[in-house]
N, C-alpha and C. Protein backbone atom coordinates (compact mmCIF):
# COMPACT_ATOMS: atom_id res chain seq x y z
N MET A 1 107.19 154.27 84.69
CA MET A 1 106.77 153.52 85.36
C MET A 1 105.66 152.36 86.04
N VAL A 2 104.94 153.59 85.92
CA VAL A 2 103.22 153.09 86.20
C VAL A 2 103.06 152.02 84.88
N MET A 3 103.17 153.00 83.63
CA MET A 3 103.15 151.92 82.91
C MET A 3 103.58 149.84 82.87
N ILE A 4 104.92 149.96 82.84
CA ILE A 4 105.76 148.56 83.14
C ILE A 4 105.33 148.19 84.45
N CYS A 5 104.93 148.58 84.55
CA CYS A 5 104.98 148.38 86.80
C CYS A 5 103.42 147.74 86.64
N CYS A 6 102.22 147.74 85.03
CA CYS A 6 101.06 146.98 85.01
C CYS A 6 101.05 146.15 84.00
N ASN A 7 102.57 145.98 83.33
CA ASN A 7 103.20 145.14 82.01
C ASN A 7 103.78 144.08 82.35
N ASN A 8 104.31 144.41 83.88
CA ASN A 8 104.38 143.20 84.75
C ASN A 8 103.10 142.29 84.90
N ILE A 9 102.58 143.21 85.87
CA ILE A 9 101.79 142.46 86.87
C ILE A 9 100.70 141.80 85.17
N PHE A 10 100.26 142.20 84.11
CA PHE A 10 99.63 141.69 83.07
C PHE A 10 100.02 140.89 82.89
N SER A 11 101.75 140.46 81.97
CA SER A 11 102.35 139.32 82.16
C SER A 11 102.82 138.52 83.22
N GLU A 12 102.61 138.50 84.39
CA GLU A 12 102.24 137.49 86.08
C GLU A 12 100.63 137.18 85.16
N ILE A 13 99.93 137.38 85.52
CA ILE A 13 98.48 137.46 85.82
C ILE A 13 98.26 136.25 84.48
N GLN A 14 98.72 136.56 83.08
CA GLN A 14 99.17 135.56 81.35
C GLN A 14 99.26 134.26 82.09
N LYS A 15 100.22 134.44 82.70
CA LYS A 15 101.17 133.19 82.87
C LYS A 15 100.64 132.15 83.75
N ILE A 16 99.84 132.58 84.93
CA ILE A 16 99.46 132.31 86.72
C ILE A 16 98.23 131.69 85.29
N GLN A 17 97.15 132.49 84.42
CA GLN A 17 96.85 132.25 83.37
C GLN A 17 96.53 130.22 83.01
N SER A 18 97.64 131.19 82.49
CA SER A 18 97.90 130.12 80.82
C SER A 18 98.78 128.73 82.47
N SER A 19 99.63 128.62 83.70
CA SER A 19 100.11 127.41 83.92
C SER A 19 98.39 127.27 84.76
N ALA A 20 97.24 128.13 84.39
CA ALA A 20 95.46 127.01 85.60
C ALA A 20 95.61 126.55 84.23
N ARG A 21 95.38 126.57 83.61
CA ARG A 21 94.05 126.47 81.85
C ARG A 21 95.25 125.25 82.05
N ASP A 22 97.53 124.71 81.77
CA ASP A 22 97.18 123.95 81.84
C ASP A 22 97.00 123.12 83.05
N HIS A 23 97.40 123.00 83.46
CA HIS A 23 97.02 122.26 85.08
C HIS A 23 95.15 121.46 84.77
N PHE A 24 94.59 122.66 84.31
CA PHE A 24 92.62 122.00 84.66
C PHE A 24 93.32 121.34 82.60
N GLN A 25 94.04 121.43 82.48
CA GLN A 25 93.63 120.02 80.19
C GLN A 25 94.00 119.24 81.55
N LYS A 26 95.63 119.81 81.70
CA LYS A 26 95.97 118.11 82.32
C LYS A 26 96.08 117.22 83.23
N ILE A 27 94.77 117.32 84.51
CA ILE A 27 93.81 117.22 84.99
C ILE A 27 92.56 116.30 84.10
N PHE A 28 92.26 117.12 83.15
CA PHE A 28 90.66 116.37 82.76
C PHE A 28 91.99 115.92 81.83
N THR A 29 93.07 115.85 81.07
CA THR A 29 93.03 114.53 79.85
C THR A 29 92.92 113.24 81.99
N ASP A 30 94.15 113.52 82.82
CA ASP A 30 94.16 111.88 83.55
C ASP A 30 92.63 111.41 84.20
N HIS A 31 91.58 112.91 83.89
CA HIS A 31 90.84 111.63 84.02
C HIS A 31 89.67 111.27 83.38
N GLU A 32 89.76 111.97 81.88
CA GLU A 32 89.33 111.24 80.71
C GLU A 32 90.73 109.58 80.47
N LYS A 33 91.83 109.77 80.79
CA LYS A 33 92.25 108.09 80.78
C LYS A 33 91.87 106.97 81.86
N LEU A 34 91.20 107.78 82.28
CA LEU A 34 91.36 107.07 84.20
C LEU A 34 90.01 106.16 83.44
N LYS A 35 88.42 107.13 83.38
CA LYS A 35 87.55 106.72 82.83
C LYS A 35 87.95 105.20 81.28
N MET A 36 88.86 105.74 80.70
CA MET A 36 88.83 104.81 79.45
C MET A 36 89.22 103.39 80.76
N GLN A 37 90.19 103.95 81.73
CA GLN A 37 91.03 102.40 82.30
C GLN A 37 90.05 101.85 82.43
N LEU A 38 88.82 102.26 83.73
CA LEU A 38 88.65 101.85 84.45
C LEU A 38 86.29 101.50 83.60
N GLU A 39 86.30 101.08 82.71
CA GLU A 39 85.58 101.01 81.74
C GLU A 39 86.72 100.17 81.06
N SER A 40 86.94 100.55 80.75
CA SER A 40 87.66 98.70 80.15
C SER A 40 88.14 97.98 81.34
N GLN A 41 88.12 97.99 82.08
CA GLN A 41 88.50 97.01 82.48
C GLN A 41 86.74 96.92 83.51
N LYS A 42 85.61 97.65 83.02
CA LYS A 42 84.67 97.19 84.34
C LYS A 42 83.93 95.90 82.82
N ASN A 43 84.60 96.13 81.32
CA ASN A 43 84.51 95.05 80.09
C ASN A 43 84.84 93.50 80.87
N GLU A 44 86.23 93.91 80.99
CA GLU A 44 86.76 92.69 81.38
C GLU A 44 86.29 92.12 82.24
N LEU A 45 85.92 92.54 83.13
CA LEU A 45 85.28 92.04 84.29
C LEU A 45 82.99 90.93 83.79
N GLU A 46 83.54 92.16 83.21
CA GLU A 46 81.83 91.02 82.62
C GLU A 46 82.10 90.91 82.08
N LEU A 47 83.07 91.22 80.57
CA LEU A 47 83.23 88.87 80.63
C LEU A 47 83.51 88.29 81.14
N ARG A 48 84.40 88.14 81.67
CA ARG A 48 84.63 87.12 82.97
C ARG A 48 83.51 86.71 83.47
N LYS A 49 82.41 87.88 84.36
CA LYS A 49 81.35 87.56 84.24
C LYS A 49 80.26 86.25 83.65
N ILE A 50 80.60 86.37 82.27
CA ILE A 50 79.64 85.52 81.49
C ILE A 50 80.54 83.93 81.36
N GLU A 51 81.95 84.23 81.30
CA GLU A 51 82.57 82.95 81.28
C GLU A 51 82.35 82.50 82.51
N LEU A 52 82.22 82.53 83.69
CA LEU A 52 82.50 81.79 84.82
C LEU A 52 80.43 81.90 85.03
N GLU A 53 79.65 82.49 84.26
CA GLU A 53 78.04 82.30 84.68
C GLU A 53 78.43 80.67 83.53
N LYS A 54 79.17 80.90 82.30
CA LYS A 54 78.80 79.41 81.73
C LYS A 54 79.34 78.40 82.05
N ARG A 55 81.12 78.71 82.74
CA ARG A 55 81.03 77.27 83.48
C ARG A 55 80.33 77.45 83.81
N GLU A 56 79.92 77.74 85.75
CA GLU A 56 78.56 77.04 86.19
C GLU A 56 78.20 76.58 85.55
N ALA A 57 77.30 76.89 84.61
CA ALA A 57 76.15 75.97 83.72
C ALA A 57 76.61 74.73 84.02
N HIS A 58 77.48 74.62 82.50
CA HIS A 58 78.28 73.24 82.73
C HIS A 58 78.87 72.62 83.43
N ASN A 59 79.40 73.28 84.52
CA ASN A 59 79.50 72.40 85.98
C ASN A 59 78.00 71.55 86.13
N GLU A 60 77.38 72.41 86.37
CA GLU A 60 75.74 71.83 87.20
C GLU A 60 75.86 70.98 85.85
N SER A 61 75.53 70.81 84.26
CA SER A 61 74.90 70.25 83.91
C SER A 61 75.72 68.95 84.48
N GLU A 62 77.40 68.53 84.13
CA GLU A 62 78.54 68.22 84.09
C GLU A 62 77.68 66.92 85.75
N ARG A 63 77.44 68.03 86.16
CA ARG A 63 77.24 67.58 87.34
C ARG A 63 76.32 66.46 87.89
N LYS A 64 75.00 67.26 87.96
CA LYS A 64 73.56 66.22 86.99
C LYS A 64 74.03 64.65 86.28
N LYS A 65 75.00 64.80 84.98
CA LYS A 65 74.89 63.72 84.44
C LYS A 65 75.59 62.97 85.10
N LEU A 66 77.03 62.98 85.65
CA LEU A 66 77.86 61.72 86.41
C LEU A 66 76.91 61.65 88.08
N ALA A 67 76.16 62.61 88.99
CA ALA A 67 74.65 61.52 89.61
C ALA A 67 74.30 61.25 89.09
N GLU A 68 73.06 60.93 87.86
CA GLU A 68 73.12 60.26 86.91
C GLU A 68 73.18 58.82 86.88
N GLU A 69 74.53 58.92 86.06
CA GLU A 69 75.85 58.26 85.93
C GLU A 69 75.47 57.27 87.36
N MET A 70 76.20 57.28 88.40
CA MET A 70 76.31 56.74 88.98
C MET A 70 75.65 56.72 90.09
N GLU A 71 74.03 56.46 90.14
CA GLU A 71 72.68 55.87 90.08
C GLU A 71 72.36 54.02 88.65
N GLU A 72 73.03 54.93 88.42
CA GLU A 72 72.50 53.55 86.89
C GLU A 72 73.73 53.06 87.85
N VAL A 73 74.97 53.32 88.22
CA VAL A 73 75.51 52.50 88.58
C VAL A 73 75.13 51.62 89.12
N CYS A 74 74.85 51.67 90.65
CA CYS A 74 74.76 51.89 91.69
C CYS A 74 73.15 50.78 91.38
N VAL A 75 72.11 51.50 90.37
CA VAL A 75 71.59 49.97 90.02
C VAL A 75 71.87 49.14 89.61
N PHE A 76 72.89 49.52 88.59
CA PHE A 76 73.08 48.03 88.57
C PHE A 76 74.01 47.49 89.22
N LEU A 77 74.64 47.29 90.24
CA LEU A 77 75.24 46.78 91.03
C LEU A 77 74.46 46.43 92.46
N ILE A 78 73.30 46.44 92.16
CA ILE A 78 72.10 46.47 93.19
C ILE A 78 71.38 45.53 92.44
N LEU A 79 70.99 45.52 90.88
CA LEU A 79 70.90 44.50 90.86
C LEU A 79 72.13 42.78 91.16
N LEU A 80 73.35 43.48 90.25
CA LEU A 80 74.02 42.58 90.17
C LEU A 80 74.51 40.82 91.45
N HIS A 81 74.09 41.57 92.43
CA HIS A 81 74.20 41.70 94.54
C HIS A 81 72.42 40.99 93.97
N LEU A 82 71.45 41.32 93.37
CA LEU A 82 69.61 40.93 93.92
C LEU A 82 70.84 39.54 93.92
N PRO A 83 70.52 38.85 93.43
CA PRO A 83 70.76 37.22 93.37
C PRO A 83 70.59 36.44 94.53
N VAL A 84 72.47 37.13 94.79
CA VAL A 84 73.50 37.24 95.39
C VAL A 84 72.89 37.50 97.61
N MET A 85 71.51 38.09 97.15
CA MET A 85 71.07 38.36 98.50
C MET A 85 70.12 37.71 98.98
N TYR A 86 69.60 36.96 97.56
CA TYR A 86 68.64 35.75 98.07
C TYR A 86 68.94 34.14 98.10
N CYS A 87 70.10 34.55 98.06
CA CYS A 87 70.31 32.80 98.40
C CYS A 87 71.02 33.48 99.50
N ASP A 88 71.59 34.17 100.29
CA ASP A 88 71.56 34.27 101.85
C ASP A 88 70.45 33.77 102.26
């Protein structure tokens, strides 16, 4: 009787240990999966950051070119109107 009882207890302990191992493995696997997803997301954000920085630099360059062109146009307009101003 005691032997049967001990076997049952031992069997229950093994089930609990197995369940705990399985649960730990699932937690570990889920953790690794989330870690990989976060690393992937971080890499994507880094690539977006680099792309946005490139666009920002390009936009700044285009803004400077536009400002220079507008300045040239203004100079030409002033020069075109200059004789008219002196005639007045």
